[in-house]
Amino acid sequence: MNPKPTSTLLYKTRLYGQFARLGRALANPHRLEILDLLSQGERTVEDLAHEIGTTVSNISQHLQVLRQSGLVTSRKEGLYVHYSLSGDDVVTLWQSLRRVAVVLSSDLRELVARFVDERDQLEPVPQAELLERARAGRVVVLDVRPAREYNAGHIPDAISIPLDQLRNRIGELPRDREIVAYCRGPYCLLSIEAVEQLRAAGLAARRLEDGFPEWRGAGLPVERRGGQP
């Protein structure tokens, strides 16, 4: 059998080399958390360092790797550089990675079960059910993410009460309708903790099955601050 032409080997080497480069960019827990946060909306280096709990220098190094791989982009506004994902395909990639990881890893499934499933015995609300009930005015939709994420995009008519403010503002919520809380995604604990607080206060509450990125990715209605689509 004749060996493959040099041009074909070179093509394959470069092709899989670029794929591997992307894989290396993803092979770090802090970089994956950065992608998760940026799927909610753009952030500065300082914002990311604060939320992740590490130094600005460390985050800057991770962002450099993500930029070199094409996963994130940046823009400068005044003294600050704002980072965002380079497109919806990156969100899809991150969500696909999570799904495959859960399918393949029994340890990961056990972890999710302990921190998510076992803390909420009621069935989460699917997207279609929430959309139908919200349009009919039968539920109150509660966004418990930080305000900047709500302002960047949210489910129409959702009330914004970040989790760290919920205990003091719980009286603002009506008691004659069920409350459906949502946050950053199916593995985010913000909505879990919100539902626990709401039920402890005597309110009927459940959580959305997925989070805002999945809602937006499904092509469902989205609003930004001020009610703009």
Protein backbone atom coordinates (compact mmCIF):
# COMPACT_ATOMS: atom_id res chain seq x y z
CA MET A 1 0.00 0.00 0.00
CA ASN A 2 1.36 3.39 -0.96
CA PRO A 3 1.81 5.93 1.83
CA LYS A 4 -0.53 8.92 1.84
CA PRO A 5 0.75 11.97 -0.06
CA THR A 6 2.64 14.48 2.05
CA SER A 7 0.00 17.13 1.38
CA THR A 8 -2.72 14.88 2.82
CA LEU A 9 -0.69 14.12 5.94
CA LEU A 10 0.04 17.80 6.42
CA TYR A 11 -3.64 18.63 6.06
CA LYS A 12 -4.63 16.03 8.68
CA THR A 13 -1.90 17.13 11.06
CA ARG A 14 -3.01 20.75 10.90
CA LEU A 15 -6.68 19.85 11.02
CA TYR A 16 -6.50 17.74 14.15
CA GLY A 17 -3.94 20.08 15.63
CA GLN A 18 -6.48 22.91 15.52
CA PHE A 19 -9.12 20.68 17.05
CA ALA A 20 -6.68 19.75 19.82
CA ARG A 21 -5.88 23.43 20.41
CA LEU A 22 -9.52 24.09 21.12
CA GLY A 23 -9.65 21.07 23.41
CA ARG A 24 -6.66 22.35 25.38
CA ALA A 25 -8.34 25.73 25.80
CA LEU A 26 -11.32 23.98 27.39
CA ALA A 27 -9.23 21.74 29.64
CA ASN A 28 -9.29 23.95 32.73
CA PRO A 29 -12.08 24.36 35.31
CA HIS A 30 -11.61 28.13 35.62
CA ARG A 31 -11.84 28.58 31.86
CA LEU A 32 -15.02 26.52 31.74
CA GLU A 33 -16.49 28.65 34.53
CA ILE A 34 -15.54 31.76 32.56
CA LEU A 35 -17.44 30.40 29.55
CA ASP A 36 -20.43 29.67 31.77
CA LEU A 37 -20.46 33.21 33.17
CA LEU A 38 -19.97 34.79 29.75
CA SER A 39 -22.93 32.78 28.44
CA GLN A 40 -25.05 35.03 30.70
CA GLY A 41 -23.55 38.25 29.35
CA GLU A 42 -20.29 40.13 28.96
CA ARG A 43 -17.96 40.70 31.91
CA THR A 44 -14.80 42.62 32.69
CA VAL A 45 -11.70 40.87 34.01
CA GLU A 46 -12.44 42.34 37.41
CA ASP A 47 -16.02 41.01 37.37
CA LEU A 48 -14.84 37.52 36.50
CA ALA A 49 -12.11 37.52 39.14
CA HIS A 50 -14.62 38.55 41.81
CA GLU A 51 -17.23 35.96 40.84
CA ILE A 52 -14.81 33.08 40.41
CA GLY A 53 -12.79 33.98 43.49
CA THR A 54 -9.30 34.33 42.07
CA THR A 55 -6.92 37.09 41.02
CA VAL A 56 -7.23 39.46 38.07
CA SER A 57 -3.85 38.23 36.83
CA ASN A 58 -5.02 34.61 36.83
CA ILE A 59 -8.25 35.46 34.98
CA SER A 60 -6.31 37.52 32.44
CA GLN A 61 -4.14 34.52 31.61
CA HIS A 62 -7.17 32.29 31.13
CA LEU A 63 -8.87 34.90 28.95
CA GLN A 64 -5.76 35.12 26.78
CA VAL A 65 -5.96 31.37 26.11
CA LEU A 66 -9.68 31.62 25.33
CA ARG A 67 -9.10 34.55 22.98
CA GLN A 68 -6.30 32.78 21.14
CA SER A 69 -8.61 29.82 20.55
CA GLY A 70 -11.34 32.12 19.23
CA LEU A 71 -13.83 31.31 22.00
CA VAL A 72 -14.09 34.85 23.39
CA THR A 73 -13.85 38.39 22.05
CA SER A 74 -13.27 41.71 23.78
CA ARG A 75 -14.06 45.40 23.51
CA LYS A 76 -12.64 48.35 25.41
CA GLU A 77 -14.85 50.93 27.08
CA GLY A 78 -13.02 53.62 29.00
CA LEU A 79 -10.51 52.01 31.32
CA TYR A 80 -12.12 48.57 31.21
CA VAL A 81 -12.02 45.68 28.75
CA HIS A 82 -15.29 43.77 28.41
CA TYR A 83 -15.26 40.12 27.34
CA SER A 84 -17.99 38.10 25.69
CA LEU A 85 -18.38 34.79 23.90
CA SER A 86 -17.57 34.92 20.20
CA GLY A 87 -20.97 33.52 19.21
CA ASP A 88 -23.90 31.26 19.99
CA ASP A 89 -21.88 28.28 18.75
CA VAL A 90 -19.67 28.63 21.82
CA VAL A 91 -22.72 28.40 24.07
CA THR A 92 -23.83 25.29 22.20
CA LEU A 93 -20.34 23.80 22.57
CA TRP A 94 -20.35 24.41 26.33
CA GLN A 95 -23.82 22.93 26.75
CA SER A 96 -22.91 19.88 24.65
CA LEU A 97 -19.77 19.31 26.70
CA ARG A 98 -21.82 19.32 29.88
CA ARG A 99 -24.38 16.89 28.50
CA VAL A 100 -21.76 14.41 27.31
CA ALA A 101 -19.87 14.67 30.61
CA VAL A 102 -22.99 13.83 32.60
CA VAL A 103 -23.79 10.87 30.35
CA LEU A 104 -20.28 9.43 30.62
CA SER A 105 -19.44 10.12 34.27
CA SER A 106 -21.24 8.33 37.08
CA ASP A 107 -19.33 10.51 39.57
CA LEU A 108 -20.70 13.64 37.91
CA ARG A 109 -24.24 12.25 37.92
CA GLU A 110 -23.89 11.48 41.62
CA LEU A 111 -22.61 15.00 42.29
CA VAL A 112 -25.55 16.60 40.43
CA ALA A 113 -28.01 14.31 42.18
CA ARG A 114 -26.69 15.27 45.61
CA PHE A 115 -26.56 19.03 45.07
CA VAL A 116 -29.51 19.51 42.72
CA ASP A 117 -31.97 16.63 42.50
CA GLU A 118 -32.02 15.65 46.18
CA ARG A 119 -32.59 19.26 47.25
CA ASP A 120 -35.71 19.64 45.12
CA GLN A 121 -38.17 16.77 45.13
CA LEU A 122 -40.73 18.58 42.92
CA GLU A 123 -40.48 18.17 39.16
CA PRO A 124 -38.81 21.21 37.52
CA VAL A 125 -40.95 23.24 35.12
CA PRO A 126 -40.18 22.59 31.40
CA GLN A 127 -39.68 25.57 29.10
CA ALA A 128 -42.91 25.05 27.13
CA GLU A 129 -45.00 24.81 30.28
CA LEU A 130 -43.51 27.99 31.73
CA LEU A 131 -44.08 29.89 28.49
CA GLU A 132 -47.72 28.82 28.34
CA ARG A 133 -48.46 29.53 32.00
CA ALA A 134 -46.60 32.86 32.01
CA ARG A 135 -48.52 34.10 28.97
CA ALA A 136 -51.77 33.14 30.69
CA GLY A 137 -50.70 35.02 33.85
CA ARG A 138 -50.86 31.90 35.99
CA VAL A 139 -47.30 32.11 37.34
CA VAL A 140 -44.79 34.69 38.49
CA VAL A 141 -41.42 34.29 36.78
CA LEU A 142 -38.50 35.13 39.06
CA ASP A 143 -34.96 35.80 37.84
CA VAL A 144 -32.52 35.27 40.74
CA ARG A 145 -29.31 35.96 38.80
CA PRO A 146 -27.27 39.12 39.47
CA ALA A 147 -28.86 42.29 38.13
CA ARG A 148 -26.28 42.72 35.33
CA GLU A 149 -27.27 39.35 33.88
CA TYR A 150 -30.96 40.23 34.06
CA ASN A 151 -30.26 43.54 32.30
CA ALA A 152 -28.34 41.75 29.53
CA GLY A 153 -31.32 39.49 28.81
CA HIS A 154 -34.18 37.78 30.63
CA ILE A 155 -37.45 35.92 30.19
CA PRO A 156 -40.23 38.43 29.33
CA ASP A 157 -42.00 39.92 32.37
CA ALA A 158 -39.65 38.18 34.78
CA ILE A 159 -39.14 39.93 38.11
CA SER A 160 -35.50 40.51 39.03
CA ILE A 161 -34.59 39.73 42.63
CA PRO A 162 -30.99 38.50 42.92
CA LEU A 163 -30.64 35.63 45.36
CA ASP A 164 -28.62 37.67 47.86
CA GLN A 165 -31.56 40.11 48.11
CA LEU A 166 -34.39 37.58 48.16
CA ARG A 167 -34.71 37.13 51.91
CA ASN A 168 -35.25 40.88 52.44
CA ARG A 169 -37.52 41.34 49.40
CA ILE A 170 -39.64 38.24 49.59
CA GLY A 171 -42.63 40.38 50.62
CA GLU A 172 -42.66 41.91 47.12
CA LEU A 173 -43.84 38.62 45.63
CA PRO A 174 -47.56 37.76 45.36
CA ARG A 175 -48.89 34.80 47.32
CA ASP A 176 -51.82 33.97 45.04
CA ARG A 177 -49.74 32.46 42.21
CA GLU A 178 -46.99 29.91 41.91
CA ILE A 179 -43.49 31.33 41.51
CA VAL A 180 -41.08 29.79 39.02
CA ALA A 181 -37.47 30.75 39.65
CA TYR A 182 -34.68 30.44 37.12
CA CYS A 183 -30.96 31.15 36.98
CA ARG A 184 -27.92 30.26 34.87
CA GLY A 185 -28.60 26.68 33.84
CA PRO A 186 -29.56 23.17 34.96
CA TYR A 187 -26.56 22.84 37.30
CA CYS A 188 -26.74 26.33 38.80
CA LEU A 189 -27.72 26.36 42.49
CA LEU A 190 -29.15 29.89 42.64
CA SER A 191 -32.70 28.83 41.72
CA ILE A 192 -32.48 25.80 44.04
CA GLU A 193 -31.63 28.05 46.98
CA ALA A 194 -34.29 30.57 45.95
CA VAL A 195 -37.00 27.90 45.87
CA GLU A 196 -35.94 26.68 49.32
CA GLN A 197 -36.30 30.21 50.70
CA LEU A 198 -39.64 30.77 49.01
CA ARG A 199 -41.13 27.51 50.27
CA ALA A 200 -39.83 28.20 53.79
CA ALA A 201 -41.74 31.49 53.64
CA GLY A 202 -44.95 29.65 52.67
CA LEU A 203 -44.98 30.47 48.96
CA ALA A 204 -45.66 27.92 46.23
CA ALA A 205 -42.46 27.74 44.21
CA ARG A 206 -40.72 25.59 41.64
CA ARG A 207 -37.68 26.07 39.42
CA LEU A 208 -37.26 26.14 35.67
CA GLU A 209 -35.84 22.91 34.29
CA ASP A 210 -33.08 24.75 32.45
CA GLY A 211 -31.60 28.24 32.73
CA PHE A 212 -31.65 31.42 30.72
CA PRO A 213 -28.97 30.39 28.16
CA GLU A 214 -31.00 27.28 27.29
CA TRP A 215 -34.18 29.38 27.04
CA ARG A 216 -32.48 31.83 24.67
CA GLY A 217 -30.84 29.02 22.71
CA ALA A 218 -34.25 27.43 22.12
CA GLY A 219 -35.38 30.60 20.34
CA LEU A 220 -37.92 31.52 23.02
CA PRO A 221 -38.84 35.18 23.69
CA VAL A 222 -36.19 37.30 25.42
CA GLU A 223 -36.26 40.84 26.77
CA ARG A 224 -33.51 43.18 27.85
CA ARG A 225 -33.56 45.94 30.42
CA GLY A 226 -36.41 48.35 29.77
CA GLY A 227 -38.52 45.67 28.09
CA GLN A 228 -36.68 45.85 24.78
CA PRO A 229 -36.58 42.59 22.75
